[in-house]
Amino acid sequence: MPRGETDDQRQFREYFTARRDAVRRTAYVLCGDWHWADDLAQSAFMRLAVSWRKVRDREALDAFVRTCLVRAYLSDVRRVWRRRERSVAEPPERSAEADSTLRVEFVAALRQLPPRQRAVLVCRYYQDLDVAETAATLGCSQGTVKSQAARGMAKLRELLRDQEETTTVGGAR
């Protein structure tokens, strides 16, 4: 234990060290930009640090951080400067491996979804939350989660189908 560190600080440091990479990856899936993902993860952990003593159930830390992360993302999306500045750089090269190509195509399609639908899909299928947990994380009704998930999946299928047709016509596959 570093000199002068309290028990709360030690517990927070241990939790942060154990979960930072997973939270950062989730943030990336939400926003599609590693720099923005770092900012979102930092915001979520800052909120946790401020509220550390108030969190009674240590088993709920992951849910608390996930909620902070998703809400920070949705809040950022609403900001005017975030809408003005968009990352448009494509990866320099596509990997020859099919898995890597599919992953790049999937992330590109996911980025085209509206923020709310993307957040619902990430919570439901990447974080493996049920409808009630997703609704609690996003602060909306279960019906909203269901409708946003259905619309998001339909749009994602359409986008991926269009990408496949474009790639197939171009002869790259």
Protein backbone atom coordinates (compact mmCIF):
# COMPACT_ATOMS: atom_id res chain seq x y z
CA MET A 1 0.00 0.00 0.00
CA PRO A 2 1.50 3.37 -1.01
CA ARG A 3 2.38 5.63 1.86
CA GLY A 4 -0.54 7.69 3.17
CA GLU A 5 -3.13 5.78 1.12
CA THR A 6 -6.45 5.14 2.83
CA ASP A 7 -8.35 1.88 2.60
CA ASP A 8 -10.94 3.52 0.27
CA GLN A 9 -8.20 4.78 -2.03
CA ARG A 10 -6.60 1.35 -2.14
CA GLN A 11 -9.93 -0.31 -2.97
CA PHE A 12 -10.63 2.21 -5.72
CA ARG A 13 -7.12 1.78 -7.17
CA GLU A 14 -7.52 -2.01 -7.22
CA TYR A 15 -10.94 -1.77 -8.88
CA PHE A 16 -9.68 0.75 -11.43
CA THR A 17 -6.65 -1.39 -12.28
CA ALA A 18 -8.80 -4.49 -12.73
CA ARG A 19 -11.57 -2.90 -14.83
CA ARG A 20 -10.04 0.00 -16.82
CA ASP A 21 -9.33 -1.98 -20.00
CA ALA A 22 -12.80 -3.53 -20.12
CA VAL A 23 -14.46 -0.15 -19.57
CA ARG A 24 -12.28 1.43 -22.26
CA ARG A 25 -13.19 -1.32 -24.75
CA THR A 26 -16.89 -0.84 -24.02
CA ALA A 27 -16.47 2.91 -24.51
CA TYR A 28 -14.80 2.24 -27.86
CA VAL A 29 -17.65 0.05 -29.02
CA LEU A 30 -20.03 2.88 -28.11
CA CYS A 31 -18.19 5.72 -29.82
CA GLY A 32 -15.80 4.14 -32.35
CA ASP A 33 -12.83 6.38 -31.46
CA TRP A 34 -10.08 5.37 -29.03
CA HIS A 35 -9.37 8.94 -27.90
CA TRP A 36 -13.02 9.60 -27.21
CA ALA A 37 -13.24 6.19 -25.50
CA ASP A 38 -10.42 7.24 -23.16
CA ASP A 39 -12.34 10.42 -22.30
CA LEU A 40 -15.55 8.50 -21.66
CA ALA A 41 -13.81 5.91 -19.49
CA GLN A 42 -12.10 8.68 -17.54
CA SER A 43 -15.44 10.42 -16.98
CA ALA A 44 -17.01 7.20 -15.73
CA PHE A 45 -14.14 6.47 -13.34
CA MET A 46 -14.10 10.08 -12.10
CA ARG A 47 -17.78 9.80 -11.29
CA LEU A 48 -17.10 6.55 -9.46
CA ALA A 49 -14.20 8.09 -7.53
CA VAL A 50 -16.40 10.95 -6.37
CA SER A 51 -19.15 8.54 -5.33
CA TRP A 52 -16.91 5.76 -3.99
CA ARG A 53 -17.96 6.13 -0.33
CA LYS A 54 -21.65 6.32 -1.28
CA VAL A 55 -21.65 3.00 -3.15
CA ARG A 56 -22.84 0.56 -0.52
CA ASP A 57 -23.02 -2.57 -2.63
CA ARG A 58 -19.53 -3.29 -3.99
CA GLU A 59 -21.08 -5.97 -6.21
CA ALA A 60 -22.86 -3.18 -8.12
CA LEU A 61 -19.68 -1.30 -9.09
CA ASP A 62 -19.66 -2.63 -12.66
CA ALA A 63 -23.28 -1.59 -13.15
CA PHE A 64 -22.57 1.86 -11.69
CA VAL A 65 -19.56 2.41 -13.98
CA ARG A 66 -21.47 1.10 -17.00
CA THR A 67 -24.34 3.51 -16.29
CA CYS A 68 -21.89 6.40 -15.90
CA LEU A 69 -20.17 5.42 -19.15
CA VAL A 70 -23.34 5.18 -21.23
CA ARG A 71 -24.73 8.42 -19.81
CA ALA A 72 -21.44 10.23 -20.46
CA TYR A 73 -21.54 8.97 -24.05
CA LEU A 74 -25.14 10.09 -24.61
CA SER A 75 -24.40 13.44 -23.01
CA ASP A 76 -21.34 13.93 -25.22
CA VAL A 77 -23.30 13.10 -28.36
CA ARG A 78 -25.73 15.91 -27.58
CA ARG A 79 -22.98 18.52 -27.35
CA VAL A 80 -22.71 20.83 -30.36
CA TRP A 81 -18.92 20.60 -30.66
CA ARG A 82 -19.07 16.80 -30.77
CA ARG A 83 -21.45 16.92 -33.71
CA ARG A 84 -19.19 19.34 -35.55
CA GLU A 85 -16.01 17.33 -35.17
CA ARG A 86 -16.07 13.86 -36.64
CA SER A 87 -13.27 11.37 -37.00
CA VAL A 88 -13.22 10.31 -40.62
CA ALA A 89 -9.88 8.57 -40.92
CA GLU A 90 -10.17 5.00 -42.09
CA PRO A 91 -7.73 2.37 -40.89
CA PRO A 92 -4.62 2.54 -43.08
CA GLU A 93 -4.99 -1.02 -44.32
CA ARG A 94 -7.48 -3.81 -43.98
CA SER A 95 -6.21 -7.09 -42.70
CA ALA A 96 -6.37 -10.06 -45.05
CA GLU A 97 -7.98 -12.18 -42.38
CA ALA A 98 -11.76 -12.58 -42.65
CA ASP A 99 -12.37 -12.00 -38.93
CA SER A 100 -10.56 -8.71 -38.99
CA THR A 101 -12.40 -7.58 -42.12
CA LEU A 102 -15.76 -8.50 -40.64
CA ARG A 103 -14.91 -6.66 -37.43
CA VAL A 104 -13.99 -3.49 -39.35
CA GLU A 105 -17.22 -3.70 -41.37
CA PHE A 106 -19.29 -4.30 -38.25
CA VAL A 107 -17.76 -1.34 -36.38
CA ALA A 108 -18.29 0.89 -39.44
CA ALA A 109 -21.95 -0.16 -39.61
CA LEU A 110 -22.38 0.29 -35.85
CA ARG A 111 -21.04 3.85 -36.13
CA GLN A 112 -23.83 4.70 -38.57
CA LEU A 113 -26.56 3.96 -36.02
CA PRO A 114 -28.06 6.79 -33.97
CA PRO A 115 -26.40 7.10 -30.53
CA ARG A 116 -29.39 5.80 -28.55
CA GLN A 117 -29.74 2.67 -30.71
CA ARG A 118 -25.99 2.07 -30.52
CA ALA A 119 -26.05 2.41 -26.72
CA VAL A 120 -28.94 -0.06 -26.46
CA LEU A 121 -27.21 -2.62 -28.70
CA VAL A 122 -23.93 -2.30 -26.80
CA CYS A 123 -25.67 -2.79 -23.47
CA ARG A 124 -27.84 -5.66 -24.66
CA TYR A 125 -25.42 -7.64 -26.81
CA TYR A 126 -21.89 -6.53 -25.93
CA GLN A 127 -22.42 -6.14 -22.18
CA ASP A 128 -25.01 -8.98 -22.18
CA LEU A 129 -27.53 -7.05 -20.07
CA ASP A 130 -31.19 -7.99 -20.04
CA VAL A 131 -33.92 -5.53 -21.00
CA ALA A 132 -34.51 -4.34 -17.42
CA GLU A 133 -30.81 -3.77 -16.73
CA THR A 134 -30.41 -1.91 -20.01
CA ALA A 135 -33.41 0.28 -19.22
CA ALA A 136 -31.97 1.08 -15.80
CA THR A 137 -28.56 1.87 -17.31
CA LEU A 138 -30.03 4.20 -19.93
CA GLY A 139 -32.68 5.69 -17.68
CA CYS A 140 -35.58 4.79 -19.96
CA SER A 141 -38.48 2.33 -20.10
CA GLN A 142 -38.17 -1.32 -21.04
CA GLY A 143 -40.41 -0.67 -24.04
CA THR A 144 -37.95 1.94 -25.29
CA VAL A 145 -35.11 -0.56 -24.96
CA LYS A 146 -37.06 -3.17 -26.94
CA SER A 147 -38.04 -0.78 -29.72
CA GLN A 148 -34.56 0.77 -29.98
CA ALA A 149 -32.98 -2.70 -30.05
CA ALA A 150 -35.34 -3.88 -32.79
CA ARG A 151 -34.79 -0.75 -34.89
CA GLY A 152 -31.04 -0.85 -34.30
CA MET A 153 -30.76 -4.51 -35.27
CA ALA A 154 -32.87 -3.98 -38.40
CA LYS A 155 -30.73 -1.02 -39.46
CA LEU A 156 -27.52 -2.90 -38.66
CA ARG A 157 -28.64 -5.86 -40.77
CA GLU A 158 -29.51 -3.51 -43.63
CA LEU A 159 -26.14 -1.74 -43.43
CA LEU A 160 -24.20 -5.00 -43.28
CA ARG A 161 -26.22 -6.42 -46.18
CA ASP A 162 -25.44 -3.29 -48.23
CA GLN A 163 -21.74 -3.56 -47.38
CA GLU A 164 -21.70 -7.23 -48.37
CA GLU A 165 -23.39 -6.51 -51.69
CA THR A 166 -20.99 -3.65 -52.42
CA THR A 167 -17.97 -5.78 -51.56
CA THR A 168 -19.26 -8.77 -53.53
CA VAL A 169 -20.00 -6.66 -56.61
CA GLY A 170 -16.52 -5.14 -56.38
CA GLY A 171 -15.02 -8.64 -56.36
CA ALA A 172 -13.10 -8.22 -53.12
CA ARG A 173 -14.62 -11.29 -51.45
